[in-house]
Amino acid sequence: AVRYLYVAAILWLDQSGRITFRISKTNRDYLRELAKHSQAGEPFSSLTALFERAVYRGETPDAELCGTMQMLLERIQHADAATESR
């Protein structure tokens, strides 16, 4: 679930034109690319940190982690919508 939530965020940001998805990019590449979009940048940064803790540090993902990641994904989507409405 952790991977799916993270990929969903990347694909959402790609579809909205905030970043460009490329299989060769790293998480840091996406963070740098998104830095100019402050509305979605902060929740994506937090989402990335949670993703990396679970995937690279081996922390066991639980319902709370997935719930937090889902909330951050929703914040990214709402930030994106708020930016477009301006």
Protein backbone atom coordinates (compact mmCIF):
# COMPACT_ATOMS: atom_id res chain seq x y z
CA ALA A 1 0.00 0.00 0.00
CA VAL A 2 2.88 2.37 0.80
CA ARG A 3 4.30 2.06 -2.70
CA TYR A 4 0.89 2.49 -4.34
CA LEU A 5 0.18 5.67 -2.39
CA TYR A 6 3.55 7.13 -3.30
CA VAL A 7 3.22 6.25 -6.97
CA ALA A 8 -0.32 7.67 -6.96
CA ALA A 9 1.08 11.00 -5.75
CA ILE A 10 3.78 11.03 -8.43
CA LEU A 11 1.31 10.18 -11.18
CA TRP A 12 -1.17 12.79 -9.92
CA LEU A 13 1.54 15.47 -9.94
CA ASP A 14 2.65 14.37 -13.40
CA GLN A 15 -0.90 14.51 -14.74
CA SER A 16 -1.40 17.98 -13.27
CA GLY A 17 1.82 19.22 -14.89
CA ARG A 18 3.66 19.88 -11.63
CA ILE A 19 6.37 17.30 -12.29
CA THR A 20 7.33 15.06 -15.18
CA PHE A 21 7.38 11.35 -14.41
CA ARG A 22 10.45 9.49 -15.59
CA ILE A 23 11.40 6.01 -14.41
CA SER A 24 15.01 7.18 -14.06
CA LYS A 25 14.22 9.98 -11.59
CA THR A 26 14.89 9.65 -7.88
CA ASN A 27 12.68 10.85 -5.05
CA ARG A 28 15.06 13.80 -4.62
CA ASP A 29 14.65 14.69 -8.30
CA TYR A 30 10.89 14.94 -7.79
CA LEU A 31 11.33 17.00 -4.61
CA ARG A 32 13.60 19.47 -6.42
CA GLU A 33 11.23 19.68 -9.37
CA LEU A 34 8.25 20.29 -7.11
CA ALA A 35 10.03 22.88 -4.93
CA LYS A 36 8.70 25.71 -7.09
CA HIS A 37 5.12 24.60 -6.33
CA SER A 38 4.99 25.29 -2.61
CA GLN A 39 1.34 24.28 -2.15
CA ALA A 40 1.98 20.64 -3.04
CA GLY A 41 5.66 20.63 -2.14
CA GLU A 42 5.29 20.38 1.64
CA PRO A 43 2.84 17.46 1.72
CA PHE A 44 4.83 15.66 -0.98
CA SER A 45 8.02 16.12 1.04
CA SER A 46 6.29 14.61 4.09
CA LEU A 47 4.89 11.77 1.98
CA THR A 48 8.37 11.07 0.61
CA ALA A 49 9.84 10.92 4.12
CA LEU A 50 7.21 8.39 5.23
CA PHE A 51 7.67 6.33 2.08
CA GLU A 52 11.44 6.22 2.55
CA ARG A 53 11.14 5.23 6.20
CA ALA A 54 8.97 2.26 5.27
CA VAL A 55 10.77 1.17 2.12
CA TYR A 56 14.43 1.99 2.73
CA ARG A 57 14.71 1.86 6.53
CA GLY A 58 12.55 -1.20 6.86
CA GLU A 59 9.98 0.27 9.25
CA THR A 60 6.88 -1.88 9.24
CA PRO A 61 4.01 -0.03 7.59
CA ASP A 62 0.82 -0.15 9.61
CA ALA A 63 -2.69 1.25 9.24
CA GLU A 64 -1.66 4.52 10.88
CA LEU A 65 1.20 5.07 8.42
CA CYS A 66 -1.02 4.28 5.45
CA GLY A 67 -3.72 6.58 6.80
CA THR A 68 -1.23 9.42 7.17
CA MET A 69 0.05 8.82 3.66
CA GLN A 70 -3.51 8.83 2.32
CA MET A 71 -4.15 12.15 4.07
CA LEU A 72 -0.99 13.63 2.56
CA LEU A 73 -2.02 12.41 -0.90
CA GLU A 74 -5.35 14.16 -0.45
CA ARG A 75 -3.54 17.36 0.63
CA ILE A 76 -1.44 17.16 -2.53
CA GLN A 77 -4.56 16.77 -4.64
CA HIS A 78 -6.33 19.65 -2.89
CA ALA A 79 -3.27 21.88 -3.11
CA ASP A 80 -3.14 21.13 -6.80
CA ALA A 81 -6.82 22.04 -7.24
CA ALA A 82 -6.38 25.25 -5.23
CA THR A 83 -3.45 26.31 -7.39
CA GLU A 84 -5.42 25.71 -10.60
CA SER A 85 -8.41 27.75 -9.39
CA ARG A 86 -6.27 30.86 -8.95
